[in-house]
Amino acid sequence: MRIAEQYGLDDSAVHAMGRAFDLACTRLVRTGVVVPANLDRMQRVAAQQLVAHARNGERNEWRLARRAIFAVCALVASEQAAAETPLDMQAQG
């Protein structure tokens, strides 16, 4: 049994997820959200989002890609916000 079948994903889901993954990663790298230092981890986050939404029936590659992009951007933003110290925030304000 293929891994995709274990997750309840048919060939159309696998194809849509593959295309969406390529679209999302290209955009995230091009905009600088994903860099070599966080590439592997952010690709895992994107893949997890794609699997979750594909399992819920989404097959549109653009919608899948946008959801993966949003999840990665939200994670990067929250990590950057957490890394700021109160002094950094006061200096900006």
PDB file of N, CA and C in Angstrom:
ATOM      1  N   MET A   1       0.847  -1.192   0.000  1.00  0.00           N
ATOM      2  CA  MET A   1       0.000   0.000   0.000  1.00  0.00           C
ATOM      3  C   MET A   1       0.883   1.242   0.000  1.00  0.00           C
ATOM      4  N   ARG A   2       0.548   2.171  -0.871  1.00  0.00           N
ATOM      5  CA  ARG A   2       1.291   3.427  -0.935  1.00  0.00           C
ATOM      6  C   ARG A   2       0.971   4.283   0.285  1.00  0.00           C
ATOM      7  N   ILE A   3       1.913   5.125   0.653  1.00  0.00           N
ATOM      8  CA  ILE A   3       1.726   6.011   1.811  1.00  0.00           C
ATOM      9  C   ILE A   3       0.520   6.919   1.592  1.00  0.00           C
ATOM     10  N   ALA A   4       0.355   7.428   0.381  1.00  0.00           N
ATOM     11  CA  ALA A   4      -0.774   8.316   0.090  1.00  0.00           C
ATOM     12  C   ALA A   4      -2.098   7.611   0.365  1.00  0.00           C
ATOM     13  N   GLU A   5      -2.179   6.340   0.024  1.00  0.00           N
ATOM     14  CA  GLU A   5      -3.412   5.593   0.261  1.00  0.00           C
ATOM     15  C   GLU A   5      -3.666   5.401   1.750  1.00  0.00           C
ATOM     16  N   GLN A   6      -2.606   5.289   2.526  1.00  0.00           N
ATOM     17  CA  GLN A   6      -2.761   5.156   3.975  1.00  0.00           C
ATOM     18  C   GLN A   6      -3.405   6.402   4.570  1.00  0.00           C
ATOM     19  N   TYR A   7      -3.170   7.546   3.952  1.00  0.00           N
ATOM     20  CA  TYR A   7      -3.757   8.798   4.420  1.00  0.00           C
ATOM     21  C   TYR A   7      -5.088   9.095   3.741  1.00  0.00           C
ATOM     22  N   GLY A   8      -5.550   8.173   2.916  1.00  0.00           N
ATOM     23  CA  GLY A   8      -6.830   8.361   2.243  1.00  0.00           C
ATOM     24  C   GLY A   8      -6.749   9.325   1.075  1.00  0.00           C
ATOM     25  N   LEU A   9      -5.592   9.414   0.432  1.00  0.00           N
ATOM     26  CA  LEU A   9      -5.398  10.349  -0.667  1.00  0.00           C
ATOM     27  C   LEU A   9      -5.319   9.597  -1.992  1.00  0.00           C
ATOM     28  N   ASP A  10      -6.101  10.043  -2.953  1.00  0.00           N
ATOM     29  CA  ASP A  10      -6.071   9.428  -4.270  1.00  0.00           C
ATOM     30  C   ASP A  10      -5.049  10.132  -5.156  1.00  0.00           C
ATOM     31  N   ASP A  11      -4.936   9.674  -6.390  1.00  0.00           N
ATOM     32  CA  ASP A  11      -3.947  10.243  -7.309  1.00  0.00           C
ATOM     33  C   ASP A  11      -4.175  11.727  -7.570  1.00  0.00           C
ATOM     34  N   SER A  12      -5.445  12.148  -7.648  1.00  0.00           N
ATOM     35  CA  SER A  12      -5.714  13.574  -7.892  1.00  0.00           C
ATOM     36  C   SER A  12      -5.254  14.428  -6.717  1.00  0.00           C
ATOM     37  N   ALA A  13      -5.395  13.912  -5.512  1.00  0.00           N
ATOM     38  CA  ALA A  13      -4.930  14.650  -4.333  1.00  0.00           C
ATOM     39  C   ALA A  13      -3.414  14.742  -4.318  1.00  0.00           C
ATOM     40  N   VAL A  14      -2.762  13.642  -4.640  1.00  0.00           N
ATOM     41  CA  VAL A  14      -1.299  13.627  -4.653  1.00  0.00           C
ATOM     42  C   VAL A  14      -0.769  14.590  -5.711  1.00  0.00           C
ATOM     43  N   HIS A  15      -1.382  14.587  -6.876  1.00  0.00           N
ATOM     44  CA  HIS A  15      -0.970  15.510  -7.941  1.00  0.00           C
ATOM     45  C   HIS A  15      -1.174  16.965  -7.504  1.00  0.00           C
ATOM     46  N   ALA A  16      -2.329  17.272  -6.947  1.00  0.00           N
ATOM     47  CA  ALA A  16      -2.623  18.647  -6.511  1.00  0.00           C
ATOM     48  C   ALA A  16      -1.667  19.079  -5.405  1.00  0.00           C
ATOM     49  N   MET A  17      -1.370  18.181  -4.476  1.00  0.00           N
ATOM     50  CA  MET A  17      -0.450  18.517  -3.390  1.00  0.00           C
ATOM     51  C   MET A  17       0.960  18.757  -3.918  1.00  0.00           C
ATOM     52  N   GLY A  18       1.397  17.958  -4.871  1.00  0.00           N
ATOM     53  CA  GLY A  18       2.728  18.147  -5.442  1.00  0.00           C
ATOM     54  C   GLY A  18       2.857  19.489  -6.136  1.00  0.00           C
ATOM     55  N   ARG A  19       1.871  19.815  -6.930  1.00  0.00           N
ATOM     56  CA  ARG A  19       1.881  21.108  -7.642  1.00  0.00           C
ATOM     57  C   ARG A  19       1.783  22.266  -6.643  1.00  0.00           C
ATOM     58  N   ALA A  20       0.918  22.131  -5.645  1.00  0.00           N
ATOM     59  CA  ALA A  20       0.763  23.178  -4.633  1.00  0.00           C
ATOM     60  C   ALA A  20       2.049  23.363  -3.829  1.00  0.00           C
ATOM     61  N   PHE A  21       2.719  22.275  -3.507  1.00  0.00           N
ATOM     62  CA  PHE A  21       3.980  22.356  -2.763  1.00  0.00           C
ATOM     63  C   PHE A  21       5.005  23.140  -3.569  1.00  0.00           C
ATOM     64  N   ASP A  22       5.116  22.837  -4.858  1.00  0.00           N
ATOM     65  CA  ASP A  22       6.053  23.564  -5.720  1.00  0.00           C
ATOM     66  C   ASP A  22       5.708  25.048  -5.791  1.00  0.00           C
ATOM     67  N   LEU A  23       4.423  25.348  -5.960  1.00  0.00           N
ATOM     68  CA  LEU A  23       3.986  26.750  -6.026  1.00  0.00           C
ATOM     69  C   LEU A  23       4.300  27.492  -4.725  1.00  0.00           C
ATOM     70  N   ALA A  24       3.943  26.870  -3.607  1.00  0.00           N
ATOM     71  CA  ALA A  24       4.146  27.510  -2.308  1.00  0.00           C
ATOM     72  C   ALA A  24       5.624  27.735  -2.025  1.00  0.00           C
ATOM     73  N   CYS A  25       6.434  26.721  -2.240  1.00  0.00           N
ATOM     74  CA  CYS A  25       7.868  26.851  -1.940  1.00  0.00           C
ATOM     75  C   CYS A  25       8.536  27.898  -2.826  1.00  0.00           C
ATOM     76  N   THR A  26       8.162  27.913  -4.087  1.00  0.00           N
ATOM     77  CA  THR A  26       8.724  28.920  -4.999  1.00  0.00           C
ATOM     78  C   THR A  26       8.410  30.324  -4.512  1.00  0.00           C
ATOM     79  N   ARG A  27       7.175  30.552  -4.141  1.00  0.00           N
ATOM     80  CA  ARG A  27       6.784  31.896  -3.670  1.00  0.00           C
ATOM     81  C   ARG A  27       7.453  32.249  -2.354  1.00  0.00           C
ATOM     82  N   LEU A  28       7.521  31.300  -1.448  1.00  0.00           N
ATOM     83  CA  LEU A  28       8.104  31.564  -0.129  1.00  0.00           C
ATOM     84  C   LEU A  28       9.600  31.852  -0.226  1.00  0.00           C
ATOM     85  N   VAL A  29      10.298  31.147  -1.095  1.00  0.00           N
ATOM     86  CA  VAL A  29      11.730  31.390  -1.280  1.00  0.00           C
ATOM     87  C   VAL A  29      11.944  32.718  -1.997  1.00  0.00           C
ATOM     88  N   ARG A  30      11.144  32.965  -3.029  1.00  0.00           N
ATOM     89  CA  ARG A  30      11.293  34.197  -3.804  1.00  0.00           C
ATOM     90  C   ARG A  30      11.078  35.444  -2.948  1.00  0.00           C
ATOM     91  N   THR A  31      10.175  35.383  -1.979  1.00  0.00           N
ATOM     92  CA  THR A  31       9.891  36.542  -1.134  1.00  0.00           C
ATOM     93  C   THR A  31      10.811  36.638   0.077  1.00  0.00           C
ATOM     94  N   GLY A  32      11.632  35.608   0.292  1.00  0.00           N
ATOM     95  CA  GLY A  32      12.570  35.646   1.407  1.00  0.00           C
ATOM     96  C   GLY A  32      12.008  35.159   2.724  1.00  0.00           C
ATOM     97  N   VAL A  33      10.794  34.641   2.721  1.00  0.00           N
ATOM     98  CA  VAL A  33      10.207  34.106   3.946  1.00  0.00           C
ATOM     99  C   VAL A  33      10.928  32.819   4.340  1.00  0.00           C
ATOM    100  N   VAL A  34      11.223  32.012   3.341  1.00  0.00           N
ATOM    101  CA  VAL A  34      11.973  30.782   3.569  1.00  0.00           C
ATOM    102  C   VAL A  34      13.394  31.004   3.088  1.00  0.00           C
ATOM    103  N   VAL A  35      14.321  30.746   3.977  1.00  0.00           N
ATOM    104  CA  VAL A  35      15.752  30.904   3.701  1.00  0.00           C
ATOM    105  C   VAL A  35      16.440  29.571   4.007  1.00  0.00           C
ATOM    106  N   PRO A  36      17.688  29.413   3.596  1.00  0.00           N
ATOM    107  CA  PRO A  36      18.361  28.133   3.850  1.00  0.00           C
ATOM    108  C   PRO A  36      18.306  27.677   5.310  1.00  0.00           C
ATOM    109  N   ALA A  37      18.351  28.605   6.239  1.00  0.00           N
ATOM    110  CA  ALA A  37      18.362  28.242   7.663  1.00  0.00           C
ATOM    111  C   ALA A  37      17.048  27.609   8.129  1.00  0.00           C
ATOM    112  N   ASN A  38      15.935  27.941   7.493  1.00  0.00           N
ATOM    113  CA  ASN A  38      14.649  27.387   7.932  1.00  0.00           C
ATOM    114  C   ASN A  38      13.955  26.559   6.855  1.00  0.00           C
ATOM    115  N   LEU A  39      14.648  26.269   5.784  1.00  0.00           N
ATOM    116  CA  LEU A  39      14.051  25.609   4.624  1.00  0.00           C
ATOM    117  C   LEU A  39      13.407  24.267   4.967  1.00  0.00           C
ATOM    118  N   ASP A  40      14.154  23.365   5.587  1.00  0.00           N
ATOM    119  CA  ASP A  40      13.610  22.027   5.873  1.00  0.00           C
ATOM    120  C   ASP A  40      12.384  22.083   6.772  1.00  0.00           C
ATOM    121  N   ARG A  41      12.483  22.869   7.824  1.00  0.00           N
ATOM    122  CA  ARG A  41      11.370  22.949   8.783  1.00  0.00           C
ATOM    123  C   ARG A  41      10.139  23.575   8.146  1.00  0.00           C
ATOM    124  N   MET A  42      10.323  24.618   7.365  1.00  0.00           N
ATOM    125  CA  MET A  42       9.184  25.284   6.741  1.00  0.00           C
ATOM    126  C   MET A  42       8.572  24.407   5.643  1.00  0.00           C
ATOM    127  N   GLN A  43       9.397  23.610   4.965  1.00  0.00           N
ATOM    128  CA  GLN A  43       8.842  22.681   3.983  1.00  0.00           C
ATOM    129  C   GLN A  43       7.981  21.617   4.668  1.00  0.00           C
ATOM    130  N   ARG A  44       8.403  21.191   5.860  1.00  0.00           N
ATOM    131  CA  ARG A  44       7.589  20.224   6.607  1.00  0.00           C
ATOM    132  C   ARG A  44       6.252  20.833   7.008  1.00  0.00           C
ATOM    133  N   VAL A  45       6.274  22.093   7.453  1.00  0.00           N
ATOM    134  CA  VAL A  45       5.034  22.780   7.823  1.00  0.00           C
ATOM    135  C   VAL A  45       4.108  22.879   6.610  1.00  0.00           C
ATOM    136  N   ALA A  46       4.657  23.276   5.481  1.00  0.00           N
ATOM    137  CA  ALA A  46       3.855  23.386   4.256  1.00  0.00           C
ATOM    138  C   ALA A  46       3.261  22.031   3.881  1.00  0.00           C
ATOM    139  N   ALA A  47       4.075  20.987   3.936  1.00  0.00           N
ATOM    140  CA  ALA A  47       3.597  19.648   3.576  1.00  0.00           C
ATOM    141  C   ALA A  47       2.497  19.180   4.518  1.00  0.00           C
ATOM    142  N   GLN A  48       2.636  19.454   5.803  1.00  0.00           N
ATOM    143  CA  GLN A  48       1.608  19.060   6.770  1.00  0.00           C
ATOM    144  C   GLN A  48       0.287  19.760   6.461  1.00  0.00           C
ATOM    145  N   GLN A  49       0.361  21.026   6.112  1.00  0.00           N
ATOM    146  CA  GLN A  49      -0.853  21.762   5.758  1.00  0.00           C
ATOM    147  C   GLN A  49      -1.500  21.181   4.507  1.00  0.00           C
ATOM    148  N   LEU A  50      -0.682  20.871   3.519  1.00  0.00           N
ATOM    149  CA  LEU A  50      -1.215  20.312   2.279  1.00  0.00           C
ATOM    150  C   LEU A  50      -1.920  18.986   2.523  1.00  0.00           C
ATOM    151  N   VAL A  51      -1.307  18.128   3.305  1.00  0.00           N
ATOM    152  CA  VAL A  51      -1.922  16.826   3.600  1.00  0.00           C
ATOM    153  C   VAL A  51      -3.239  17.019   4.352  1.00  0.00           C
ATOM    154  N   ALA A  52      -3.222  17.897   5.351  1.00  0.00           N
ATOM    155  CA  ALA A  52      -4.436  18.113   6.150  1.00  0.00           C
ATOM    156  C   ALA A  52      -5.588  18.604   5.280  1.00  0.00           C
ATOM    157  N   HIS A  53      -5.331  19.559   4.417  1.00  0.00           N
ATOM    158  CA  HIS A  53      -6.407  20.116   3.589  1.00  0.00           C
ATOM    159  C   HIS A  53      -6.813  19.162   2.472  1.00  0.00           C
ATOM    160  N   ALA A  54      -5.854  18.420   1.935  1.00  0.00           N
ATOM    161  CA  ALA A  54      -6.198  17.435   0.902  1.00  0.00           C
ATOM    162  C   ALA A  54      -7.038  16.314   1.503  1.00  0.00           C
ATOM    163  N   ARG A  55      -6.748  15.930   2.734  1.00  0.00           N
ATOM    164  CA  ARG A  55      -7.552  14.888   3.383  1.00  0.00           C
ATOM    165  C   ARG A  55      -8.981  15.355   3.607  1.00  0.00           C
ATOM    166  N   ASN A  56      -9.160  16.677   3.715  1.00  0.00           N
ATOM    167  CA  ASN A  56     -10.511  17.237   3.872  1.00  0.00           C
ATOM    168  C   ASN A  56     -11.192  17.484   2.534  1.00  0.00           C
ATOM    169  N   GLY A  57     -10.545  17.059   1.454  1.00  0.00           N
ATOM    170  CA  GLY A  57     -11.193  17.120   0.152  1.00  0.00           C
ATOM    171  C   GLY A  57     -10.749  18.220  -0.786  1.00  0.00           C
ATOM    172  N   GLU A  58      -9.877  19.100  -0.350  1.00  0.00           N
ATOM    173  CA  GLU A  58      -9.431  20.182  -1.233  1.00  0.00           C
ATOM    174  C   GLU A  58      -8.535  19.617  -2.330  1.00  0.00           C
ATOM    175  N   ARG A  59      -8.823  19.979  -3.579  1.00  0.00           N
ATOM    176  CA  ARG A  59      -8.023  19.516  -4.705  1.00  0.00           C
ATOM    177  C   ARG A  59      -7.520  20.666  -5.570  1.00  0.00           C
ATOM    178  N   ASN A  60      -7.921  21.882  -5.254  1.00  0.00           N
ATOM    179  CA  ASN A  60      -7.470  23.031  -6.037  1.00  0.00           C
ATOM    180  C   ASN A  60      -6.056  23.399  -5.604  1.00  0.00           C
ATOM    181  N   GLU A  61      -5.123  23.285  -6.535  1.00  0.00           N
ATOM    182  CA  GLU A  61      -3.713  23.497  -6.182  1.00  0.00           C
ATOM    183  C   GLU A  61      -3.420  24.911  -5.702  1.00  0.00           C
ATOM    184  N   TRP A  62      -4.111  25.903  -6.217  1.00  0.00           N
ATOM    185  CA  TRP A  62      -3.871  27.282  -5.782  1.00  0.00           C
ATOM    186  C   TRP A  62      -4.382  27.504  -4.356  1.00  0.00           C
ATOM    187  N   ARG A  63      -5.548  26.951  -4.037  1.00  0.00           N
ATOM    188  CA  ARG A  63      -6.050  27.085  -2.664  1.00  0.00           C
ATOM    189  C   ARG A  63      -5.149  26.327  -1.689  1.00  0.00           C
ATOM    190  N   LEU A  64      -4.708  25.148  -2.088  1.00  0.00           N
ATOM    191  CA  LEU A  64      -3.783  24.403  -1.241  1.00  0.00           C
ATOM    192  C   LEU A  64      -2.491  25.192  -1.024  1.00  0.00           C
ATOM    193  N   ALA A  65      -1.950  25.746  -2.097  1.00  0.00           N
ATOM    194  CA  ALA A  65      -0.705  26.516  -2.000  1.00  0.00           C
ATOM    195  C   ALA A  65      -0.885  27.727  -1.089  1.00  0.00           C
ATOM    196  N   ARG A  66      -1.989  28.439  -1.235  1.00  0.00           N
ATOM    197  CA  ARG A  66      -2.224  29.625  -0.393  1.00  0.00           C
ATOM    198  C   ARG A  66      -2.307  29.240   1.081  1.00  0.00           C
ATOM    199  N   ARG A  67      -2.940  28.126   1.376  1.00  0.00           N
ATOM    200  CA  ARG A  67      -3.048  27.694   2.776  1.00  0.00           C
ATOM    201  C   ARG A  67      -1.682  27.338   3.341  1.00  0.00           C
ATOM    202  N   ALA A  68      -0.848  26.699   2.530  1.00  0.00           N
ATOM    203  CA  ALA A  68       0.507  26.372   2.975  1.00  0.00           C
ATOM    204  C   ALA A  68       1.330  27.643   3.168  1.00  0.00           C
ATOM    205  N   ILE A  69       1.204  28.585   2.245  1.00  0.00           N
ATOM    206  CA  ILE A  69       1.931  29.855   2.350  1.00  0.00           C
ATOM    207  C   ILE A  69       1.503  30.595   3.608  1.00  0.00           C
ATOM    208  N   PHE A  70       0.205  30.654   3.857  1.00  0.00           N
ATOM    209  CA  PHE A  70      -0.295  31.344   5.040  1.00  0.00           C
ATOM    210  C   PHE A  70       0.257  30.708   6.309  1.00  0.00           C
ATOM    211  N   ALA A  71       0.247  29.392   6.382  1.00  0.00           N
ATOM    212  CA  ALA A  71       0.730  28.697   7.588  1.00  0.00           C
ATOM    213  C   ALA A  71       2.210  28.978   7.823  1.00  0.00           C
ATOM    214  N   VAL A  72       2.999  28.936   6.774  1.00  0.00           N
ATOM    215  CA  VAL A  72       4.435  29.191   6.921  1.00  0.00           C
ATOM    216  C   VAL A  72       4.679  30.644   7.316  1.00  0.00           C
ATOM    217  N   CYS A  73       4.007  31.572   6.668  1.00  0.00           N
ATOM    218  CA  CYS A  73       4.178  32.998   7.004  1.00  0.00           C
ATOM    219  C   CYS A  73       3.758  33.274   8.447  1.00  0.00           C
ATOM    220  N   ALA A  74       2.670  32.679   8.886  1.00  0.00           N
ATOM    221  CA  ALA A  74       2.210  32.881  10.261  1.00  0.00           C
ATOM    222  C   ALA A  74       3.229  32.341  11.253  1.00  0.00           C
ATOM    223  N   LEU A  75       3.810  31.199  10.958  1.00  0.00           N
ATOM    224  CA  LEU A  75       4.817  30.625  11.851  1.00  0.00           C
ATOM    225  C   LEU A  75       6.073  31.481  11.894  1.00  0.00           C
ATOM    226  N   VAL A  76       6.550  31.916  10.754  1.00  0.00           N
ATOM    227  CA  VAL A  76       7.740  32.763  10.706  1.00  0.00           C
ATOM    228  C   VAL A  76       7.490  34.069  11.444  1.00  0.00           C
ATOM    229  N   ALA A  77       6.331  34.679  11.243  1.00  0.00           N
ATOM    230  CA  ALA A  77       6.008  35.936  11.918  1.00  0.00           C
ATOM    231  C   ALA A  77       5.938  35.752  13.427  1.00  0.00           C
ATOM    232  N   SER A  78       5.333  34.661  13.878  1.00  0.00           N
ATOM    233  CA  SER A  78       5.236  34.444  15.321  1.00  0.00           C
ATOM    234  C   SER A  78       6.611  34.182  15.931  1.00  0.00           C
ATOM    235  N   GLU A  79       7.468  33.475  15.203  1.00  0.00           N
ATOM    236  CA  GLU A  79       8.822  33.244  15.701  1.00  0.00           C
ATOM    237  C   GLU A  79       9.619  34.535  15.762  1.00  0.00           C
ATOM    238  N   GLN A  80       9.456  35.398  14.775  1.00  0.00           N
ATOM    239  CA  GLN A  80      10.157  36.681  14.782  1.00  0.00           C
ATOM    240  C   GLN A  80       9.652  37.563  15.909  1.00  0.00           C
ATOM    241  N   ALA A  81       8.355  37.559  16.140  1.00  0.00           N
ATOM    242  CA  ALA A  81       7.788  38.366  17.224  1.00  0.00           C
ATOM    243  C   ALA A  81       8.265  37.853  18.580  1.00  0.00           C
ATOM    244  N   ALA A  82       8.347  36.547  18.736  1.00  0.00           N
ATOM    245  CA  ALA A  82       8.797  35.967  20.001  1.00  0.00           C
ATOM    246  C   ALA A  82      10.272  36.243  20.254  1.00  0.00           C
ATOM    247  N   ALA A  83      11.043  36.395  19.183  1.00  0.00           N
ATOM    248  CA  ALA A  83      12.478  36.633  19.321  1.00  0.00           C
ATOM    249  C   ALA A  83      12.783  38.073  19.732  1.00  0.00           C
ATOM    250  N   GLU A  84      11.841  38.968  19.511  1.00  0.00           N
ATOM    251  CA  GLU A  84      12.064  40.372  19.883  1.00  0.00           C
ATOM    252  C   GLU A  84      11.974  40.521  21.395  1.00  0.00           C
ATOM    253  N   THR A  85      12.892  41.276  21.939  1.00  0.00           N
ATOM    254  CA  THR A  85      12.854  41.553  23.367  1.00  0.00           C
ATOM    255  C   THR A  85      12.079  42.831  23.591  1.00  0.00           C
ATOM    256  N   PRO A  86      11.602  43.056  24.807  1.00  0.00           N
ATOM    257  CA  PRO A  86      10.882  44.307  25.083  1.00  0.00           C
ATOM    258  C   PRO A  86      11.702  45.553  24.740  1.00  0.00           C
ATOM    259  N   LEU A  87      13.011  45.507  24.932  1.00  0.00           N
ATOM    260  CA  LEU A  87      13.854  46.650  24.599  1.00  0.00           C
ATOM    261  C   LEU A  87      13.854  46.905  23.105  1.00  0.00           C
ATOM    262  N   ASP A  88      13.864  45.860  22.311  1.00  0.00           N
ATOM    263  CA  ASP A  88      13.788  46.008  20.864  1.00  0.00           C
ATOM    264  C   ASP A  88      12.474  46.684  20.471  1.00  0.00           C
ATOM    265  N   MET A  89      11.411  46.300  21.099  1.00  0.00           N
ATOM    266  CA  MET A  89      10.089  46.860  20.793  1.00  0.00           C
ATOM    267  C   MET A  89      10.020  48.338  21.205  1.00  0.00           C
ATOM    268  N   GLN A  90      10.627  48.690  22.341  1.00  0.00           N
ATOM    269  CA  GLN A  90      10.615  50.084  22.794  1.00  0.00           C
ATOM    270  C   GLN A  90      11.442  50.952  21.838  1.00  0.00           C
ATOM    271  N   ALA A  91      12.544  50.433  21.357  1.00  0.00           N
ATOM    272  CA  ALA A  91      13.396  51.206  20.456  1.00  0.00           C
ATOM    273  C   ALA A  91      12.685  51.493  19.139  1.00  0.00           C
ATOM    274  N   GLN A  92      11.797  50.593  18.724  1.00  0.00           N
ATOM    275  CA  GLN A  92      11.060  50.787  17.480  1.00  0.00           C
ATOM    276  C   GLN A  92       9.931  51.786  17.652  1.00  0.00           C
ATOM    277  N   GLY A  93       9.379  51.833  18.838  1.00  0.00           N
ATOM    278  CA  GLY A  93       8.203  52.666  19.069  1.00  0.00           C
ATOM    279  C   GLY A  93       8.568  54.045  19.323  1.00  0.00           C
TER     280      GLY A  93
END
